[in-house]
Every structure is written in structure tokens, then in C-alpha cells.
Amino acid sequence: MNTITGLSIAAFAAIGLVSAPALAKPHARHDAQPAAQIVKRDARGHATVVRINGNEYEVCTKQMTDSCINPRQAGLNWGNRPLGYWPGKPASDFSGKIPPKPVPGV
């Protein structure tokens, strides 16, 4: 009887090891900044071209706003920041500064 109990315990232990769930690899965060390598800089030292995953991108400036990467999206520490809220109309419709985020209930 001891032999049967010992075999039963060993069998259950083996089944438990085989049927244990596989540990998943941690996924990369979708909002993580890409690792950009600076390829070119302007006279002020700001990056003008960066390389990300083998592709080169021009960095957006006040003069260039199309077909470029925003500096903060490239992992650089300058440039415009996203608002985080909808101000009610596009920024191009404001004649001055965009209003601050409204306080709920006021």
C-alpha cells in the first residue's frame, strides 16, 4: 500500500510539473520611448536627424512640421508636450494660448 501511495504522489507531482502554465515573457510597453541615436545636430546642438531601429527620421522644428518625428517621441528632452485633454477645438482655431484644462464642477 505504501508503494501505491508513493507512486500516486509521484504521478501527481509529474502531472503537476507537466501541466504547469508556461511563464510569459514580459511585453515591451507600448508607450515606452524609442531608443534614438542622434545622427545630425544643428548649430545650437539640437538633434536634427535621429536613427530609430535602423531608420533615419528628421526631427520636427518650427520650420518643418511634416514628414518628421516629434522631438519628445524620439526620446529627446525638448519640444512640445501633448495636452492630455481636448480643449474643445483645434489649436489652429485659438488666437492665443490654449486654455488650461477645465476644473470639473466649476
C-alpha atoms as a PDB file:
ATOM      1  CA  MET A   1       0.000   0.000   0.000  1.00  0.00           C
ATOM      2  CA  ASN A   2       2.867   2.348   0.729  1.00  0.00           C
ATOM      3  CA  THR A   3       4.217   1.634  -2.748  1.00  0.00           C
ATOM      4  CA  ILE A   4       0.901   2.582  -4.344  1.00  0.00           C
ATOM      5  CA  THR A   5       0.683   5.793  -2.325  1.00  0.00           C
ATOM      6  CA  GLY A   6       4.269   6.688  -3.213  1.00  0.00           C
ATOM      7  CA  LEU A   7       3.624   6.036  -6.896  1.00  0.00           C
ATOM      8  CA  SER A   8       0.402   8.061  -6.771  1.00  0.00           C
ATOM      9  CA  ILE A   9       2.187  11.041  -5.224  1.00  0.00           C
ATOM     10  CA  ALA A  10       4.978  10.782  -7.791  1.00  0.00           C
ATOM     11  CA  ALA A  11       2.434  10.583 -10.635  1.00  0.00           C
ATOM     12  CA  PHE A  12       0.517  13.641  -9.398  1.00  0.00           C
ATOM     13  CA  ALA A  13       3.752  15.565  -8.961  1.00  0.00           C
ATOM     14  CA  ALA A  14       4.816  14.692 -12.523  1.00  0.00           C
ATOM     15  CA  ILE A  15       1.427  15.730 -13.916  1.00  0.00           C
ATOM     16  CA  GLY A  16       1.636  18.988 -11.973  1.00  0.00           C
ATOM     17  CA  LEU A  17       5.059  19.774 -13.445  1.00  0.00           C
ATOM     18  CA  VAL A  18       3.962  18.962 -16.969  1.00  0.00           C
ATOM     19  CA  SER A  19       0.701  20.889 -16.760  1.00  0.00           C
ATOM     20  CA  ALA A  20       2.153  23.972 -15.055  1.00  0.00           C
ATOM     21  CA  PRO A  21       1.472  27.123 -17.057  1.00  0.00           C
ATOM     22  CA  ALA A  22       4.370  28.496 -19.052  1.00  0.00           C
ATOM     23  CA  LEU A  23       5.712  31.797 -17.845  1.00  0.00           C
ATOM     24  CA  ALA A  24       5.210  34.502 -20.436  1.00  0.00           C
ATOM     25  CA  LYS A  25       7.942  36.903 -21.409  1.00  0.00           C
ATOM     26  CA  PRO A  26       7.248  40.468 -20.316  1.00  0.00           C
ATOM     27  CA  HIS A  27       5.971  42.539 -23.226  1.00  0.00           C
ATOM     28  CA  ALA A  28       7.500  45.847 -24.200  1.00  0.00           C
ATOM     29  CA  ARG A  29       5.442  48.833 -23.123  1.00  0.00           C
ATOM     30  CA  HIS A  30       3.607  50.492 -25.991  1.00  0.00           C
ATOM     31  CA  ASP A  31       4.198  53.955 -24.553  1.00  0.00           C
ATOM     32  CA  ALA A  32       7.913  53.441 -23.978  1.00  0.00           C
ATOM     33  CA  GLN A  33      10.192  55.890 -25.738  1.00  0.00           C
ATOM     34  CA  PRO A  34      12.190  54.501 -28.656  1.00  0.00           C
ATOM     35  CA  ALA A  35      15.962  54.377 -28.319  1.00  0.00           C
ATOM     36  CA  ALA A  36      17.031  57.119 -30.729  1.00  0.00           C
ATOM     37  CA  GLN A  37      20.593  57.602 -31.867  1.00  0.00           C
ATOM     38  CA  ILE A  38      21.367  61.188 -32.854  1.00  0.00           C
ATOM     39  CA  VAL A  39      22.764  61.312 -36.399  1.00  0.00           C
ATOM     40  CA  LYS A  40      22.985  65.102 -37.007  1.00  0.00           C
ATOM     41  CA  ARG A  41      22.830  68.244 -34.844  1.00  0.00           C
ATOM     42  CA  ASP A  42      22.274  71.912 -35.677  1.00  0.00           C
ATOM     43  CA  ALA A  43      24.461  74.861 -34.595  1.00  0.00           C
ATOM     44  CA  ARG A  44      22.637  75.030 -31.227  1.00  0.00           C
ATOM     45  CA  GLY A  45      23.312  71.350 -30.553  1.00  0.00           C
ATOM     46  CA  HIS A  46      19.715  70.189 -31.063  1.00  0.00           C
ATOM     47  CA  ALA A  47      19.263  66.901 -32.897  1.00  0.00           C
ATOM     48  CA  THR A  48      18.032  67.372 -36.477  1.00  0.00           C
ATOM     49  CA  VAL A  49      18.169  63.721 -37.602  1.00  0.00           C
ATOM     50  CA  VAL A  50      17.775  60.612 -35.416  1.00  0.00           C
ATOM     51  CA  ARG A  51      18.043  56.891 -36.152  1.00  0.00           C
ATOM     52  CA  ILE A  52      15.474  54.539 -34.625  1.00  0.00           C
ATOM     53  CA  ASN A  53      15.507  50.805 -35.374  1.00  0.00           C
ATOM     54  CA  GLY A  54      17.774  51.400 -38.370  1.00  0.00           C
ATOM     55  CA  ASN A  55      15.560  54.096 -39.945  1.00  0.00           C
ATOM     56  CA  GLU A  56      16.548  57.780 -40.054  1.00  0.00           C
ATOM     57  CA  TYR A  57      13.985  60.487 -39.316  1.00  0.00           C
ATOM     58  CA  GLU A  58      14.241  64.269 -39.432  1.00  0.00           C
ATOM     59  CA  VAL A  59      13.209  65.911 -36.159  1.00  0.00           C
ATOM     60  CA  CYS A  60      10.280  68.345 -36.340  1.00  0.00           C
ATOM     61  CA  THR A  61      11.011  72.042 -35.794  1.00  0.00           C
ATOM     62  CA  LYS A  62       9.022  75.279 -36.095  1.00  0.00           C
ATOM     63  CA  GLN A  63      10.072  75.406 -39.752  1.00  0.00           C
ATOM     64  CA  MET A  64       9.422  71.721 -40.519  1.00  0.00           C
ATOM     65  CA  THR A  65       6.195  70.110 -39.341  1.00  0.00           C
ATOM     66  CA  ASP A  66       5.506  67.436 -41.981  1.00  0.00           C
ATOM     67  CA  SER A  67       7.214  64.079 -42.543  1.00  0.00           C
ATOM     68  CA  CYS A  68       9.215  64.325 -39.321  1.00  0.00           C
ATOM     69  CA  ILE A  69       9.244  62.897 -35.791  1.00  0.00           C
ATOM     70  CA  ASN A  70       8.318  64.997 -32.771  1.00  0.00           C
ATOM     71  CA  PRO A  71      11.347  65.518 -30.515  1.00  0.00           C
ATOM     72  CA  ARG A  72       9.719  64.041 -27.413  1.00  0.00           C
ATOM     73  CA  GLN A  73       8.530  60.982 -29.370  1.00  0.00           C
ATOM     74  CA  ALA A  74      12.149  60.461 -30.418  1.00  0.00           C
ATOM     75  CA  GLY A  75      13.155  60.464 -26.737  1.00  0.00           C
ATOM     76  CA  LEU A  76      14.669  63.961 -26.853  1.00  0.00           C
ATOM     77  CA  ASN A  77      14.178  66.347 -23.945  1.00  0.00           C
ATOM     78  CA  TRP A  78      12.716  69.299 -25.857  1.00  0.00           C
ATOM     79  CA  GLY A  79       9.719  70.216 -27.993  1.00  0.00           C
ATOM     80  CA  ASN A  80       6.002  70.496 -27.441  1.00  0.00           C
ATOM     81  CA  ARG A  81       4.227  68.296 -24.929  1.00  0.00           C
ATOM     82  CA  PRO A  82       0.850  66.685 -25.537  1.00  0.00           C
ATOM     83  CA  LEU A  83      -2.009  68.377 -23.650  1.00  0.00           C
ATOM     84  CA  GLY A  84      -3.574  65.241 -22.236  1.00  0.00           C
ATOM     85  CA  TYR A  85      -7.062  66.703 -22.718  1.00  0.00           C
ATOM     86  CA  TRP A  86      -9.244  68.092 -25.542  1.00  0.00           C
ATOM     87  CA  PRO A  87      -9.512  71.902 -25.265  1.00  0.00           C
ATOM     88  CA  GLY A  88     -12.741  71.986 -27.282  1.00  0.00           C
ATOM     89  CA  LYS A  89     -11.357  72.950 -30.699  1.00  0.00           C
ATOM     90  CA  PRO A  90      -8.133  72.543 -32.704  1.00  0.00           C
ATOM     91  CA  ALA A  91      -5.128  74.608 -31.645  1.00  0.00           C
ATOM     92  CA  SER A  92      -5.183  76.394 -35.004  1.00  0.00           C
ATOM     93  CA  ASP A  93      -8.585  77.873 -34.042  1.00  0.00           C
ATOM     94  CA  PHE A  94      -7.194  79.632 -30.939  1.00  0.00           C
ATOM     95  CA  SER A  95      -5.878  83.164 -31.363  1.00  0.00           C
ATOM     96  CA  GLY A  96      -3.700  82.979 -28.248  1.00  0.00           C
ATOM     97  CA  LYS A  97      -2.696  80.394 -25.719  1.00  0.00           C
ATOM     98  CA  ILE A  98      -4.727  77.224 -25.379  1.00  0.00           C
ATOM     99  CA  PRO A  99      -6.874  77.445 -22.236  1.00  0.00           C
ATOM    100  CA  PRO A 100      -5.915  75.338 -19.214  1.00  0.00           C
ATOM    101  CA  LYS A 101      -7.763  72.134 -18.501  1.00  0.00           C
ATOM    102  CA  PRO A 102     -11.219  72.992 -17.106  1.00  0.00           C
ATOM    103  CA  VAL A 103     -11.893  72.073 -13.497  1.00  0.00           C
ATOM    104  CA  PRO A 104     -14.906  69.712 -13.236  1.00  0.00           C
ATOM    105  CA  GLY A 105     -17.889  71.060 -11.315  1.00  0.00           C
ATOM    106  CA  VAL A 106     -16.890  74.725 -11.531  1.00  0.00           C
END
